[in-house]
Amino acid sequence: MKTTTTLLGDYEFESINPNGNKVHIDMRPADEKKGQSPTELLLSALAGCASVDLVQMLKKRKKTVNGLRIDADGTRQDDPPRFFTHIKLHFVLESPDATMEEFEKLGHLAATKYCSVAGTLKSEIEHTFEIIR
């Protein structure tokens, strides 16, 4: 898997995957923002990943999913590098036939066991560098 991120301006970047799908990254102040910051994208990716897994697990159990929303709330360390110290995911399911017990169980599994983004938060990251003159 690969993406390429390119500088568009002092506070703007564009990230693109091999299929040509683009994400706009924006580090401007909130009142000038046109896209999400990298840390907001991380929360969005985590919620999106858990959502896909949860919906698939519910559907395998023949449950009706009329809607799903995940509110992701991240608490960050005050000092740089300001990484997340805690992330809370609040799941809201619209379903006439899912029980709270199975929803909680499957939501927990989706967010902790099956979501590759959650697993990636535990990864070791390697860096390489190149300067073009």
N, C-alpha and C. Protein backbone atom coordinates (compact mmCIF):
# COMPACT_ATOMS: atom_id res chain seq x y z
N MET A 1 0.85 -1.17 0.00
CA MET A 1 0.00 0.00 0.00
C MET A 1 0.90 1.23 0.00
N LYS A 2 0.48 2.24 -0.73
CA LYS A 2 1.32 3.42 -0.87
C LYS A 2 0.46 4.65 -1.10
N THR A 3 0.91 5.78 -0.59
CA THR A 3 0.33 7.08 -0.92
C THR A 3 1.48 8.04 -1.16
N THR A 4 1.20 9.11 -1.89
CA THR A 4 2.19 10.17 -2.11
C THR A 4 1.55 11.48 -1.67
N THR A 5 2.24 12.20 -0.80
CA THR A 5 1.75 13.47 -0.28
C THR A 5 2.62 14.59 -0.82
N THR A 6 1.98 15.63 -1.36
CA THR A 6 2.68 16.71 -2.04
C THR A 6 2.28 18.06 -1.43
N LEU A 7 3.26 18.92 -1.27
CA LEU A 7 3.04 20.28 -0.78
C LEU A 7 2.28 21.09 -1.83
N LEU A 8 1.17 21.72 -1.40
CA LEU A 8 0.41 22.62 -2.28
C LEU A 8 0.65 24.08 -1.90
N GLY A 9 0.87 24.34 -0.63
CA GLY A 9 1.11 25.67 -0.09
C GLY A 9 1.64 25.52 1.32
N ASP A 10 1.93 26.62 1.98
CA ASP A 10 2.55 26.55 3.30
C ASP A 10 1.82 25.64 4.28
N TYR A 11 0.50 25.62 4.21
CA TYR A 11 -0.29 24.84 5.16
C TYR A 11 -1.19 23.82 4.48
N GLU A 12 -0.96 23.55 3.22
CA GLU A 12 -1.81 22.64 2.46
C GLU A 12 -1.00 21.55 1.77
N PHE A 13 -1.57 20.36 1.80
CA PHE A 13 -0.96 19.22 1.14
C PHE A 13 -2.06 18.40 0.47
N GLU A 14 -1.66 17.60 -0.48
CA GLU A 14 -2.58 16.67 -1.12
C GLU A 14 -1.94 15.30 -1.08
N SER A 15 -2.71 14.32 -0.65
CA SER A 15 -2.24 12.95 -0.60
C SER A 15 -3.05 12.15 -1.60
N ILE A 16 -2.37 11.32 -2.39
CA ILE A 16 -3.03 10.57 -3.46
C ILE A 16 -2.57 9.11 -3.42
N ASN A 17 -3.51 8.21 -3.67
CA ASN A 17 -3.14 6.80 -3.73
C ASN A 17 -2.95 6.37 -5.18
N PRO A 18 -2.47 5.14 -5.43
CA PRO A 18 -2.24 4.70 -6.80
C PRO A 18 -3.48 4.71 -7.70
N ASN A 19 -4.67 4.68 -7.12
CA ASN A 19 -5.91 4.72 -7.91
C ASN A 19 -6.32 6.14 -8.27
N GLY A 20 -5.60 7.13 -7.77
CA GLY A 20 -5.92 8.52 -8.07
C GLY A 20 -6.86 9.19 -7.09
N ASN A 21 -7.21 8.50 -6.00
CA ASN A 21 -8.08 9.09 -4.99
C ASN A 21 -7.27 10.08 -4.15
N LYS A 22 -7.84 11.28 -3.95
CA LYS A 22 -7.11 12.36 -3.30
C LYS A 22 -7.74 12.74 -1.96
N VAL A 23 -6.87 13.16 -1.04
CA VAL A 23 -7.29 13.71 0.24
C VAL A 23 -6.59 15.05 0.40
N HIS A 24 -7.38 16.06 0.77
CA HIS A 24 -6.83 17.40 1.00
C HIS A 24 -6.48 17.51 2.48
N ILE A 25 -5.24 17.89 2.77
CA ILE A 25 -4.75 18.06 4.15
C ILE A 25 -4.53 19.54 4.38
N ASP A 26 -5.05 20.04 5.48
CA ASP A 26 -5.06 21.48 5.73
C ASP A 26 -4.64 21.77 7.16
N MET A 27 -3.59 22.54 7.33
CA MET A 27 -3.08 22.88 8.66
C MET A 27 -3.35 24.34 9.03
N ARG A 28 -4.27 24.99 8.32
CA ARG A 28 -4.60 26.38 8.63
C ARG A 28 -5.39 26.46 9.94
N PRO A 29 -5.53 27.68 10.48
CA PRO A 29 -6.39 27.86 11.65
C PRO A 29 -7.83 27.43 11.32
N ALA A 30 -8.57 27.06 12.34
CA ALA A 30 -9.92 26.49 12.17
C ALA A 30 -10.83 27.36 11.31
N ASP A 31 -10.76 28.67 11.44
CA ASP A 31 -11.66 29.54 10.69
C ASP A 31 -11.28 29.67 9.22
N GLU A 32 -10.10 29.17 8.83
CA GLU A 32 -9.66 29.22 7.43
C GLU A 32 -9.57 27.84 6.79
N LYS A 33 -9.85 26.81 7.55
CA LYS A 33 -9.66 25.42 7.14
C LYS A 33 -10.60 24.99 6.01
N LYS A 34 -10.04 24.29 5.03
CA LYS A 34 -10.82 23.72 3.93
C LYS A 34 -10.74 22.19 3.91
N GLY A 35 -9.92 21.63 4.76
CA GLY A 35 -9.74 20.18 4.85
C GLY A 35 -9.39 19.78 6.26
N GLN A 36 -9.16 18.51 6.46
CA GLN A 36 -8.81 18.01 7.79
C GLN A 36 -7.30 18.04 8.00
N SER A 37 -6.89 18.18 9.25
CA SER A 37 -5.48 18.10 9.61
C SER A 37 -5.07 16.63 9.64
N PRO A 38 -3.78 16.34 9.66
CA PRO A 38 -3.35 14.94 9.73
C PRO A 38 -3.91 14.19 10.93
N THR A 39 -3.96 14.86 12.10
CA THR A 39 -4.49 14.16 13.27
C THR A 39 -6.00 13.96 13.17
N GLU A 40 -6.71 14.89 12.56
CA GLU A 40 -8.14 14.69 12.32
C GLU A 40 -8.35 13.55 11.33
N LEU A 41 -7.50 13.46 10.32
CA LEU A 41 -7.59 12.35 9.36
C LEU A 41 -7.35 11.01 10.05
N LEU A 42 -6.44 10.99 11.03
CA LEU A 42 -6.19 9.76 11.78
C LEU A 42 -7.44 9.33 12.54
N LEU A 43 -8.10 10.28 13.21
CA LEU A 43 -9.35 9.95 13.90
C LEU A 43 -10.41 9.48 12.90
N SER A 44 -10.50 10.16 11.77
CA SER A 44 -11.47 9.77 10.73
C SER A 44 -11.17 8.37 10.20
N ALA A 45 -9.89 8.08 9.98
CA ALA A 45 -9.49 6.75 9.49
C ALA A 45 -9.83 5.67 10.50
N LEU A 46 -9.59 5.94 11.77
CA LEU A 46 -9.92 4.98 12.83
C LEU A 46 -11.42 4.72 12.87
N ALA A 47 -12.22 5.78 12.86
CA ALA A 47 -13.67 5.63 12.89
C ALA A 47 -14.17 4.93 11.62
N GLY A 48 -13.62 5.29 10.48
CA GLY A 48 -14.03 4.66 9.22
C GLY A 48 -13.70 3.18 9.20
N CYS A 49 -12.53 2.83 9.65
CA CYS A 49 -12.10 1.43 9.68
C CYS A 49 -12.99 0.62 10.61
N ALA A 50 -13.23 1.12 11.81
CA ALA A 50 -14.09 0.41 12.76
C ALA A 50 -15.52 0.30 12.22
N SER A 51 -15.99 1.35 11.53
CA SER A 51 -17.34 1.34 10.95
C SER A 51 -17.52 0.22 9.94
N VAL A 52 -16.58 0.10 9.03
CA VAL A 52 -16.67 -0.93 8.00
C VAL A 52 -16.71 -2.31 8.64
N ASP A 53 -15.81 -2.55 9.58
CA ASP A 53 -15.76 -3.86 10.24
C ASP A 53 -17.05 -4.14 11.01
N LEU A 54 -17.55 -3.14 11.73
CA LEU A 54 -18.76 -3.33 12.53
C LEU A 54 -19.97 -3.62 11.65
N VAL A 55 -20.16 -2.87 10.60
CA VAL A 55 -21.30 -3.09 9.71
C VAL A 55 -21.24 -4.49 9.10
N GLN A 56 -20.06 -4.91 8.68
CA GLN A 56 -19.94 -6.24 8.08
C GLN A 56 -20.26 -7.34 9.10
N MET A 57 -19.80 -7.17 10.34
CA MET A 57 -20.09 -8.17 11.37
C MET A 57 -21.59 -8.22 11.68
N LEU A 58 -22.23 -7.06 11.76
CA LEU A 58 -23.67 -7.03 12.01
C LEU A 58 -24.45 -7.69 10.87
N LYS A 59 -24.06 -7.39 9.65
CA LYS A 59 -24.76 -7.96 8.49
C LYS A 59 -24.56 -9.48 8.41
N LYS A 60 -23.39 -9.97 8.80
CA LYS A 60 -23.16 -11.42 8.82
C LYS A 60 -24.10 -12.10 9.81
N ARG A 61 -24.51 -11.35 10.82
CA ARG A 61 -25.44 -11.88 11.81
C ARG A 61 -26.89 -11.56 11.45
N LYS A 62 -27.09 -11.14 10.19
CA LYS A 62 -28.43 -10.85 9.66
C LYS A 62 -29.14 -9.72 10.40
N LYS A 63 -28.36 -8.75 10.91
CA LYS A 63 -28.94 -7.60 11.59
C LYS A 63 -29.15 -6.47 10.58
N THR A 64 -30.19 -5.70 10.78
CA THR A 64 -30.49 -4.56 9.92
C THR A 64 -29.70 -3.35 10.39
N VAL A 65 -28.99 -2.71 9.48
CA VAL A 65 -28.24 -1.50 9.80
C VAL A 65 -28.84 -0.36 8.97
N ASN A 66 -29.61 0.50 9.61
CA ASN A 66 -30.21 1.64 8.94
C ASN A 66 -29.31 2.86 8.98
N GLY A 67 -28.38 2.87 9.91
CA GLY A 67 -27.45 3.99 10.03
C GLY A 67 -26.41 3.69 11.09
N LEU A 68 -25.25 4.28 10.94
CA LEU A 68 -24.18 4.15 11.93
C LEU A 68 -23.38 5.44 11.92
N ARG A 69 -23.12 5.94 13.11
CA ARG A 69 -22.26 7.12 13.26
C ARG A 69 -21.27 6.81 14.37
N ILE A 70 -20.02 7.22 14.15
CA ILE A 70 -19.02 7.11 15.21
C ILE A 70 -18.45 8.50 15.44
N ASP A 71 -18.59 8.97 16.66
CA ASP A 71 -17.96 10.22 17.07
C ASP A 71 -16.62 9.87 17.69
N ALA A 72 -15.55 10.33 17.08
CA ALA A 72 -14.20 10.07 17.58
C ALA A 72 -13.69 11.32 18.28
N ASP A 73 -13.24 11.15 19.51
CA ASP A 73 -12.74 12.27 20.31
C ASP A 73 -11.36 11.90 20.82
N GLY A 74 -10.36 12.65 20.38
CA GLY A 74 -8.99 12.37 20.76
C GLY A 74 -8.45 13.41 21.73
N THR A 75 -7.77 12.94 22.76
CA THR A 75 -7.07 13.81 23.70
C THR A 75 -5.59 13.73 23.38
N ARG A 76 -4.97 14.90 23.21
CA ARG A 76 -3.57 14.92 22.81
C ARG A 76 -2.69 15.46 23.94
N GLN A 77 -1.46 15.00 23.95
CA GLN A 77 -0.45 15.51 24.88
C GLN A 77 -0.25 17.01 24.60
N ASP A 78 -0.05 17.79 25.65
CA ASP A 78 0.10 19.25 25.50
C ASP A 78 1.39 19.65 24.78
N ASP A 79 2.47 18.94 25.05
CA ASP A 79 3.77 19.31 24.48
C ASP A 79 4.05 18.53 23.21
N PRO A 80 4.82 19.12 22.28
CA PRO A 80 5.19 18.40 21.05
C PRO A 80 5.86 17.09 21.39
N PRO A 81 5.53 16.04 20.66
CA PRO A 81 4.86 15.98 19.36
C PRO A 81 3.33 15.91 19.44
N ARG A 82 2.70 16.18 20.55
CA ARG A 82 1.24 16.26 20.71
C ARG A 82 0.50 15.02 20.21
N PHE A 83 1.04 13.86 20.49
CA PHE A 83 0.39 12.61 20.10
C PHE A 83 -0.87 12.38 20.93
N PHE A 84 -1.72 11.48 20.43
CA PHE A 84 -2.93 11.13 21.16
C PHE A 84 -2.56 10.30 22.38
N THR A 85 -3.09 10.70 23.52
CA THR A 85 -2.91 9.91 24.74
C THR A 85 -4.13 9.02 24.98
N HIS A 86 -5.29 9.47 24.50
CA HIS A 86 -6.54 8.72 24.62
C HIS A 86 -7.41 9.01 23.41
N ILE A 87 -8.10 7.99 22.95
CA ILE A 87 -9.08 8.16 21.88
C ILE A 87 -10.36 7.47 22.33
N LYS A 88 -11.45 8.21 22.27
CA LYS A 88 -12.76 7.67 22.64
C LYS A 88 -13.61 7.58 21.38
N LEU A 89 -14.18 6.41 21.15
CA LEU A 89 -15.09 6.21 20.04
C LEU A 89 -16.49 6.00 20.61
N HIS A 90 -17.43 6.81 20.18
CA HIS A 90 -18.83 6.67 20.61
C HIS A 90 -19.63 6.21 19.39
N PHE A 91 -20.15 5.00 19.47
CA PHE A 91 -20.89 4.38 18.37
C PHE A 91 -22.39 4.64 18.54
N VAL A 92 -23.04 5.05 17.49
CA VAL A 92 -24.49 5.23 17.49
C VAL A 92 -25.05 4.43 16.32
N LEU A 93 -25.82 3.41 16.63
CA LEU A 93 -26.37 2.50 15.63
C LEU A 93 -27.87 2.68 15.51
N GLU A 94 -28.34 2.74 14.29
CA GLU A 94 -29.78 2.70 14.01
C GLU A 94 -30.09 1.31 13.49
N SER A 95 -30.78 0.53 14.32
CA SER A 95 -31.09 -0.86 13.95
C SER A 95 -32.30 -1.32 14.74
N PRO A 96 -33.30 -1.89 14.04
CA PRO A 96 -34.48 -2.38 14.74
C PRO A 96 -34.28 -3.73 15.43
N ASP A 97 -33.21 -4.44 15.09
CA ASP A 97 -33.08 -5.80 15.61
C ASP A 97 -31.75 -6.13 16.29
N ALA A 98 -30.83 -5.21 16.38
CA ALA A 98 -29.57 -5.47 17.09
C ALA A 98 -29.78 -5.22 18.58
N THR A 99 -29.21 -6.08 19.41
CA THR A 99 -29.29 -5.88 20.85
C THR A 99 -28.10 -5.05 21.31
N MET A 100 -28.25 -4.37 22.44
CA MET A 100 -27.14 -3.58 22.98
C MET A 100 -25.95 -4.47 23.31
N GLU A 101 -26.21 -5.66 23.82
CA GLU A 101 -25.13 -6.59 24.18
C GLU A 101 -24.28 -6.96 22.96
N GLU A 102 -24.93 -7.36 21.86
CA GLU A 102 -24.15 -7.74 20.68
C GLU A 102 -23.51 -6.52 20.03
N PHE A 103 -24.19 -5.37 20.07
CA PHE A 103 -23.63 -4.14 19.53
C PHE A 103 -22.36 -3.75 20.27
N GLU A 104 -22.38 -3.78 21.59
CA GLU A 104 -21.19 -3.45 22.38
C GLU A 104 -20.06 -4.44 22.11
N LYS A 105 -20.39 -5.73 22.07
CA LYS A 105 -19.38 -6.76 21.82
C LYS A 105 -18.74 -6.59 20.44
N LEU A 106 -19.58 -6.43 19.41
CA LEU A 106 -19.06 -6.31 18.05
C LEU A 106 -18.34 -4.97 17.85
N GLY A 107 -18.86 -3.91 18.45
CA GLY A 107 -18.19 -2.61 18.36
C GLY A 107 -16.81 -2.65 18.97
N HIS A 108 -16.69 -3.33 20.11
CA HIS A 108 -15.38 -3.48 20.75
C HIS A 108 -14.43 -4.28 19.87
N LEU A 109 -14.91 -5.37 19.31
CA LEU A 109 -14.07 -6.19 18.42
C LEU A 109 -13.66 -5.39 17.17
N ALA A 110 -14.60 -4.63 16.61
CA ALA A 110 -14.30 -3.84 15.42
C ALA A 110 -13.21 -2.82 15.71
N ALA A 111 -13.29 -2.16 16.86
CA ALA A 111 -12.36 -1.08 17.19
C ALA A 111 -11.02 -1.56 17.71
N THR A 112 -10.97 -2.77 18.27
CA THR A 112 -9.71 -3.20 18.91
C THR A 112 -9.04 -4.40 18.24
N LYS A 113 -9.82 -5.29 17.68
CA LYS A 113 -9.24 -6.52 17.12
C LYS A 113 -9.13 -6.50 15.60
N TYR A 114 -10.17 -6.03 14.91
CA TYR A 114 -10.21 -6.16 13.46
C TYR A 114 -9.79 -4.90 12.71
N CYS A 115 -9.86 -3.76 13.32
CA CYS A 115 -9.53 -2.51 12.63
C CYS A 115 -8.01 -2.38 12.45
N SER A 116 -7.58 -2.36 11.21
CA SER A 116 -6.14 -2.27 10.93
C SER A 116 -5.57 -0.90 11.31
N VAL A 117 -6.39 0.14 11.31
CA VAL A 117 -5.91 1.46 11.72
C VAL A 117 -5.59 1.45 13.21
N ALA A 118 -6.46 0.85 14.02
CA ALA A 118 -6.20 0.76 15.46
C ALA A 118 -4.92 -0.05 15.71
N GLY A 119 -4.75 -1.13 14.99
CA GLY A 119 -3.53 -1.93 15.12
C GLY A 119 -2.30 -1.17 14.70
N THR A 120 -2.45 -0.32 13.70
CA THR A 120 -1.33 0.47 13.19
C THR A 120 -0.85 1.50 14.21
N LEU A 121 -1.73 1.95 15.08
CA LEU A 121 -1.33 2.92 16.10
C LEU A 121 -0.26 2.35 17.03
N LYS A 122 -0.06 1.04 16.98
CA LYS A 122 0.96 0.38 17.79
C LYS A 122 2.24 0.09 16.99
N SER A 123 2.30 0.55 15.74
CA SER A 123 3.39 0.19 14.83
C SER A 123 4.69 0.92 15.11
N GLU A 124 5.75 0.29 14.66
CA GLU A 124 7.06 0.94 14.61
C GLU A 124 7.17 1.59 13.24
N ILE A 125 7.64 2.84 13.20
CA ILE A 125 7.73 3.57 11.94
C ILE A 125 9.20 3.78 11.58
N GLU A 126 9.54 3.44 10.35
CA GLU A 126 10.90 3.62 9.84
C GLU A 126 10.93 4.85 8.94
N HIS A 127 12.01 5.61 9.02
CA HIS A 127 12.14 6.82 8.21
C HIS A 127 13.34 6.72 7.27
N THR A 128 13.18 7.17 6.04
CA THR A 128 14.31 7.37 5.13
C THR A 128 14.16 8.77 4.56
N PHE A 129 15.27 9.35 4.11
CA PHE A 129 15.25 10.75 3.67
C PHE A 129 16.05 10.92 2.39
N GLU A 130 15.65 11.92 1.59
CA GLU A 130 16.33 12.24 0.34
C GLU A 130 16.16 13.73 0.06
N ILE A 131 17.23 14.37 -0.37
CA ILE A 131 17.14 15.77 -0.79
C ILE A 131 17.44 15.84 -2.27
N ILE A 132 16.59 16.55 -3.00
CA ILE A 132 16.82 16.78 -4.43
C ILE A 132 17.19 18.23 -4.60
N ARG A 133 18.32 18.48 -5.28
CA ARG A 133 18.78 19.86 -5.48
C ARG A 133 18.72 20.23 -6.95
